[in-house]
Amino acid sequence: MTASLGLGTYRVCAVEQAARTACADGSVWIDTAPNYKDAHRLLGPVIADHPRAMVATKTGFVTKAEGQAAVQAGLLTPQQAAAGHSLRPAFTRWQTDRSLAALGRADLVFVHNPERARLDRAELHERLRNVFAALEEFATAGRLGGYGVATWSGFQHGAFTVPELLGLAKEAAGSGEHHLRAVQQPVSLVMARPIARALDGRGPLVQARAAGLLTFGSSPLHGGKLATLATPELAEFIRHGASPAAACLLAAASCPSLDVVLLSASTAQHWNAAKDAIASPLDPGQLRKVTDVLAQG
C-alpha cells in the first residue's frame, strides 16, 4: 500500500494556491508550522473553505517576531528567545493558542524537532512529558484532535523511541487515555534507514503503526535535492519511464507502515504529477532492491 500524499508547506511558494490545489482532492493533510514564514496567515482562509482538510501544525521553534512577543509576555527571557527553540510548557500553550487563532483549527500539533533542545535523554524526556501535558489540556478541551512528535534525527540518534513517547504520553495524561496520535520523520532515498527498517518489520514507523499512531514522512525529495542527485539509471531501476523526482517520491511513498508522505508541491502541475507518480506503489521486493543498491554505494 502506498502512503497518501499530503502537502508540506515548508518553503512553498504561493502557499495559499498550493493548499487550495491540495484541498481540491478533499480529505488531505496540510502540514505547517509557525516558523514557515507567513504560512499560518495564508492558510487560515483556505482551511475555513475546506472543512474536510486535515491540519497539522507544530510547536517548538521560536521565530524572531514570536520571540520578541514571548519576551514581552514574560514567557521567555531574551536569552531563551534567542536560542530559537523552546520546550517550556508556558510557551507551548501560548504558541499553540496563536496557531489555532491564525489557522482556525488544527487536528494535530507536533512537538517540532525536540532534539534541537540538546538535552541529555533524561532531561529531554522530562521536558517532553511536560509539553505533552500542556497539549493534553488542549485535546481534553476539544481544541485539538491530538498531538505528536515531528523529528529530524531524534529516532535516528536515539533521543527517544516510540515506546518511550507512548509512555511519556500516558504519564502526561495520568492514564492510558492519552492523545498522542502521530509521529513524523524524514523518509527518502537519502535518509533511507526508516525504509530499510520498515521492510524488516522494525523501527519507529512499524512501532507507531502497531500502536495505532499515524505516521508521516517528511522531505521525501530531501529538500528537492534528489531531483538532481538521482541518476536517470536509478530512476529507471525504480520505475520504468519515471523521472528522477517521480521515482524517488514513489520509493518514499512505498515505505511500509507509512500513512502520509508530505511533499512541498508549489503548483497544481507539481501536485498532480506527484499523485500520478505514487498511484501504483512499489512492491516490497522491488523497494528492497532499491535500498540494497543504495547501500552498496
Protein backbone atom coordinates (compact mmCIF):
# COMPACT_ATOMS: atom_id res chain seq x y z
CA MET A 1 0.00 0.00 0.00
CA THR A 2 1.29 3.45 -0.88
CA ALA A 3 1.14 6.38 1.50
CA SER A 4 -1.32 9.15 0.76
CA LEU A 5 0.03 12.47 -0.49
CA GLY A 6 -0.02 15.38 1.93
CA LEU A 7 1.07 18.98 1.47
CA GLY A 8 4.16 20.11 3.34
CA THR A 9 4.33 23.90 3.43
CA TYR A 10 7.99 24.43 4.32
CA ARG A 11 9.47 26.84 1.75
CA VAL A 12 6.44 26.51 -0.51
CA CYS A 13 5.91 29.40 -2.89
CA ALA A 14 2.33 30.66 -3.23
CA VAL A 15 1.27 28.57 -0.24
CA GLU A 16 -2.39 29.61 -0.44
CA GLN A 17 -2.74 28.40 -4.02
CA ALA A 18 -0.77 25.24 -3.27
CA ALA A 19 -3.13 24.48 -0.37
CA ARG A 20 -6.25 25.13 -2.48
CA THR A 21 -4.94 22.72 -5.10
CA ALA A 22 -4.32 20.03 -2.49
CA CYS A 23 -7.67 20.63 -0.78
CA ALA A 24 -9.50 20.16 -4.05
CA ASP A 25 -8.79 16.46 -3.53
CA GLY A 26 -10.94 16.54 -0.39
CA SER A 27 -9.61 14.84 2.72
CA VAL A 28 -5.90 15.71 2.60
CA TRP A 29 -3.31 16.54 5.24
CA ILE A 30 -1.76 20.01 5.27
CA ASP A 31 1.38 20.22 7.40
CA THR A 32 2.66 23.60 8.55
CA ALA A 33 4.41 25.37 11.43
CA PRO A 34 4.67 28.87 12.95
CA ASN A 35 8.21 29.21 11.61
CA TYR A 36 7.22 28.52 7.98
CA LYS A 37 7.25 32.22 7.04
CA ASP A 38 3.67 33.52 6.75
CA ALA A 39 2.09 30.11 6.04
CA HIS A 40 -0.28 30.27 9.03
CA ARG A 41 -1.78 33.58 7.94
CA LEU A 42 -2.21 32.44 4.34
CA LEU A 43 -3.62 29.03 5.23
CA GLY A 44 -6.36 30.29 7.55
CA PRO A 45 -8.83 31.23 4.78
CA VAL A 46 -8.10 28.01 2.86
CA ILE A 47 -8.79 25.87 5.91
CA ALA A 48 -12.03 27.74 6.55
CA ASP A 49 -13.15 27.00 2.99
CA HIS A 50 -12.23 23.29 3.15
CA PRO A 51 -13.65 21.60 6.26
CA ARG A 52 -12.55 18.16 5.06
CA ALA A 53 -8.88 19.15 5.03
CA MET A 54 -6.85 17.85 7.96
CA VAL A 55 -4.41 20.29 9.53
CA ALA A 56 -1.17 19.65 11.39
CA THR A 57 0.97 22.42 12.83
CA LYS A 58 3.87 22.43 15.26
CA THR A 59 5.29 23.96 18.40
CA GLY A 60 8.88 24.47 19.46
CA PHE A 61 10.75 26.77 17.11
CA VAL A 62 10.80 30.44 18.02
CA THR A 63 10.85 32.99 15.21
CA LYS A 64 12.33 36.41 15.84
CA ALA A 65 8.90 38.04 15.91
CA GLU A 66 7.41 35.37 18.18
CA GLY A 67 10.46 35.53 20.39
CA GLN A 68 10.02 39.27 20.89
CA ALA A 69 6.33 38.80 21.66
CA ALA A 70 7.05 35.95 24.06
CA VAL A 71 9.64 38.04 25.89
CA GLN A 72 7.16 40.93 26.19
CA ALA A 73 4.58 38.49 27.54
CA GLY A 74 7.05 37.28 30.16
CA LEU A 75 7.12 33.73 28.78
CA LEU A 76 10.76 33.65 27.70
CA THR A 77 13.89 35.53 28.65
CA PRO A 78 15.77 37.26 25.83
CA GLN A 79 18.38 34.52 26.01
CA GLN A 80 15.74 31.78 25.73
CA ALA A 81 14.11 33.52 22.78
CA ALA A 82 17.49 33.94 21.08
CA ALA A 83 18.06 30.17 21.30
CA GLY A 84 15.34 29.79 18.67
CA HIS A 85 13.66 26.78 20.25
CA SER A 86 11.69 26.18 23.42
CA LEU A 87 10.11 23.20 25.13
CA ARG A 88 8.72 25.26 28.01
CA PRO A 89 5.06 24.37 28.64
CA ALA A 90 4.01 28.02 29.06
CA PHE A 91 5.48 28.82 25.66
CA THR A 92 3.83 25.70 24.18
CA ARG A 93 0.40 26.87 25.40
CA TRP A 94 0.97 30.41 24.16
CA GLN A 95 2.30 29.36 20.75
CA THR A 96 -0.46 26.80 20.27
CA ASP A 97 -3.10 29.41 21.13
CA ARG A 98 -1.63 31.71 18.49
CA SER A 99 -1.50 28.93 15.91
CA LEU A 100 -5.13 27.98 16.49
CA ALA A 101 -6.18 31.61 16.20
CA ALA A 102 -4.34 32.01 12.89
CA LEU A 103 -5.38 28.69 11.35
CA GLY A 104 -8.87 28.49 12.78
CA ARG A 105 -8.39 24.87 13.83
CA ALA A 106 -5.83 22.05 13.94
CA ASP A 107 -6.18 18.30 14.04
CA LEU A 108 -2.62 17.78 15.28
CA VAL A 109 0.14 19.78 16.91
CA PHE A 110 3.57 18.22 16.56
CA VAL A 111 6.36 18.93 19.02
CA HIS A 112 8.87 20.17 16.46
CA ASN A 113 12.37 18.67 16.49
CA PRO A 114 12.60 18.27 20.28
CA GLU A 115 16.15 17.00 19.89
CA ARG A 116 17.03 20.60 19.00
CA ALA A 117 16.95 21.34 22.76
CA ARG A 118 20.30 19.50 23.05
CA LEU A 119 19.49 17.98 26.45
CA ASP A 120 20.52 14.64 27.87
CA ARG A 121 17.92 11.92 27.45
CA ALA A 122 16.51 12.14 30.97
CA GLU A 123 16.00 15.90 30.85
CA LEU A 124 14.65 15.78 27.31
CA HIS A 125 12.09 13.17 28.33
CA GLU A 126 11.04 15.28 31.30
CA ARG A 127 10.58 18.31 29.02
CA LEU A 128 8.60 16.23 26.54
CA ARG A 129 6.35 14.89 29.28
CA ASN A 130 5.60 18.46 30.40
CA VAL A 131 4.94 19.64 26.83
CA PHE A 132 2.68 16.63 26.28
CA ALA A 133 0.78 17.59 29.44
CA ALA A 134 0.22 21.10 28.05
CA LEU A 135 -1.05 19.68 24.75
CA GLU A 136 -3.26 17.19 26.61
CA GLU A 137 -5.07 20.24 28.03
CA PHE A 138 -5.92 21.43 24.52
CA ALA A 139 -7.02 17.97 23.39
CA THR A 140 -9.12 17.32 26.50
CA ALA A 141 -10.84 20.68 25.98
CA GLY A 142 -11.68 19.67 22.40
CA ARG A 143 -9.42 22.29 20.84
CA LEU A 144 -7.11 19.71 19.22
CA GLY A 145 -7.61 16.23 17.85
CA GLY A 146 -4.28 15.24 19.37
CA TYR A 147 -0.55 15.80 19.23
CA GLY A 148 2.60 14.14 18.01
CA VAL A 149 6.35 14.42 17.60
CA ALA A 150 7.95 15.62 14.37
CA THR A 151 11.66 14.87 14.46
CA TRP A 152 14.54 15.18 12.06
CA SER A 153 17.06 12.99 13.87
CA GLY A 154 15.59 12.04 17.25
CA PHE A 155 14.79 8.45 16.31
CA GLN A 156 17.99 8.06 14.33
CA HIS A 157 20.24 9.21 17.19
CA GLY A 158 18.34 7.51 19.99
CA ALA A 159 16.99 10.61 21.72
CA PHE A 160 13.71 8.73 22.20
CA THR A 161 11.81 5.74 20.88
CA VAL A 162 8.14 5.30 20.02
CA PRO A 163 7.51 3.15 23.15
CA GLU A 164 9.16 5.85 25.26
CA LEU A 165 6.98 8.57 23.69
CA LEU A 166 3.89 6.48 24.39
CA GLY A 167 4.99 6.05 27.99
CA LEU A 168 5.55 9.80 28.39
CA ALA A 169 2.11 10.50 26.92
CA LYS A 170 0.47 8.14 29.41
CA GLU A 171 2.29 9.87 32.25
CA ALA A 172 1.29 13.29 30.92
CA ALA A 173 -2.36 12.27 30.67
CA GLY A 174 -2.34 10.48 34.00
CA SER A 175 -3.79 7.38 32.36
CA GLY A 176 -3.69 5.25 29.24
CA GLU A 177 -6.26 7.59 27.65
CA HIS A 178 -3.71 9.96 26.15
CA HIS A 179 -3.89 12.00 22.94
CA LEU A 180 -0.54 11.14 21.33
CA ARG A 181 -1.68 10.47 17.79
CA ALA A 182 1.24 10.70 15.35
CA VAL A 183 4.93 10.72 14.59
CA GLN A 184 6.77 12.38 11.73
CA GLN A 185 10.29 11.80 10.45
CA PRO A 186 12.21 12.16 7.16
CA VAL A 187 11.70 9.28 4.73
CA SER A 188 13.67 9.44 1.49
CA LEU A 189 16.37 7.71 -0.52
CA VAL A 190 18.89 9.96 1.23
CA MET A 191 17.55 9.18 4.71
CA ALA A 192 16.64 5.61 3.81
CA ARG A 193 17.13 3.87 7.16
CA PRO A 194 13.42 4.15 8.07
CA ILE A 195 12.58 2.40 4.79
CA ALA A 196 15.09 -0.39 5.33
CA ARG A 197 13.97 -0.97 8.91
CA ALA A 198 10.28 -0.93 7.98
CA LEU A 199 10.96 -3.52 5.27
CA ASP A 200 12.42 -5.70 8.03
CA GLY A 201 9.35 -5.12 10.23
CA ARG A 202 11.30 -2.96 12.67
CA GLY A 203 11.83 0.68 13.57
CA PRO A 204 9.72 3.65 14.62
CA LEU A 205 7.30 3.55 11.69
CA VAL A 206 6.38 -0.06 12.40
CA GLN A 207 6.19 0.56 16.15
CA ALA A 208 4.00 3.62 15.66
CA ARG A 209 1.63 1.88 13.26
CA ALA A 210 1.33 -1.07 15.67
CA ALA A 211 0.38 1.37 18.44
CA GLY A 212 -2.32 2.95 16.30
CA LEU A 213 -0.43 6.16 15.61
CA LEU A 214 -0.45 7.96 12.27
CA THR A 215 2.93 8.03 10.52
CA PHE A 216 4.13 10.95 8.41
CA GLY A 217 7.19 11.01 6.15
CA SER A 218 8.76 14.41 5.57
CA SER A 219 11.28 15.62 2.99
CA PRO A 220 10.79 12.73 0.51
CA LEU A 221 12.91 14.57 -2.09
CA HIS A 222 15.40 15.79 0.54
CA GLY A 223 14.58 19.45 0.04
CA GLY A 224 14.39 18.99 -3.73
CA LYS A 225 17.99 17.80 -3.97
CA LEU A 226 17.08 14.26 -5.01
CA ALA A 227 15.63 15.51 -8.28
CA THR A 228 19.18 16.31 -9.37
CA LEU A 229 21.14 13.82 -7.24
CA ALA A 230 19.30 10.75 -8.54
CA THR A 231 20.58 9.49 -11.86
CA PRO A 232 18.31 8.55 -14.79
CA GLU A 233 19.61 4.99 -14.37
CA LEU A 234 18.42 4.87 -10.75
CA ALA A 235 15.06 6.31 -11.76
CA GLU A 236 14.67 3.69 -14.47
CA PHE A 237 15.60 0.95 -11.98
CA ILE A 238 12.92 2.17 -9.57
CA ARG A 239 10.16 2.54 -12.16
CA HIS A 240 10.43 2.28 -15.94
CA GLY A 241 9.93 5.64 -17.61
CA ALA A 242 9.82 7.67 -14.38
CA SER A 243 11.70 10.91 -13.93
CA PRO A 244 14.25 11.02 -11.08
CA ALA A 245 11.91 13.12 -8.91
CA ALA A 246 8.91 10.87 -9.55
CA ALA A 247 10.91 7.72 -8.90
CA CYS A 248 12.37 8.99 -5.63
CA LEU A 249 8.97 10.16 -4.41
CA LEU A 250 7.49 6.77 -5.31
CA ALA A 251 10.18 4.96 -3.32
CA ALA A 252 9.46 7.06 -0.22
CA ALA A 253 5.69 6.70 -0.57
CA SER A 254 6.04 2.91 -0.91
CA CYS A 255 7.68 2.62 2.53
CA PRO A 256 5.81 0.06 4.67
CA SER A 257 3.89 1.45 7.67
CA LEU A 258 3.90 5.00 6.25
CA ASP A 259 0.49 6.69 6.17
CA VAL A 260 1.25 10.13 4.70
CA VAL A 261 4.15 11.40 2.60
CA LEU A 262 4.48 15.19 2.79
CA LEU A 263 5.56 16.96 -0.37
CA SER A 264 6.18 20.69 -0.78
CA ALA A 265 4.30 20.98 -4.07
CA SER A 266 4.06 24.62 -5.09
CA THR A 267 1.96 24.28 -8.26
CA ALA A 268 -1.04 22.30 -9.45
CA GLN A 269 1.17 20.68 -12.08
CA HIS A 270 3.64 19.58 -9.39
CA TRP A 271 0.86 18.24 -7.14
CA ASN A 272 -0.90 16.32 -9.90
CA ALA A 273 2.35 14.84 -11.18
CA ALA A 274 3.14 13.68 -7.65
CA LYS A 275 -0.26 12.00 -7.31
CA ASP A 276 0.32 10.17 -10.58
CA ALA A 277 3.83 9.14 -9.52
CA ILE A 278 2.69 7.35 -6.37
CA ALA A 279 -0.58 5.92 -7.69
CA SER A 280 0.94 2.46 -8.12
CA PRO A 281 3.35 1.61 -5.27
CA LEU A 282 6.49 -0.46 -5.48
CA ASP A 283 6.15 -3.95 -4.10
CA PRO A 284 8.36 -4.62 -1.05
CA GLY A 285 10.73 -6.84 -3.03
CA GLN A 286 11.49 -4.10 -5.55
CA LEU A 287 11.80 -1.48 -2.82
CA ARG A 288 14.30 -3.68 -1.01
CA LYS A 289 16.34 -4.00 -4.20
CA VAL A 290 16.42 -0.19 -4.40
CA THR A 291 17.63 0.20 -0.83
CA ASP A 292 20.21 -2.57 -1.34
CA VAL A 293 21.59 -0.77 -4.42
CA LEU A 294 21.89 2.45 -2.44
CA ALA A 295 23.54 0.69 0.48
CA GLN A 296 26.21 -0.62 -1.88
CA GLY A 297 27.10 2.93 -2.80
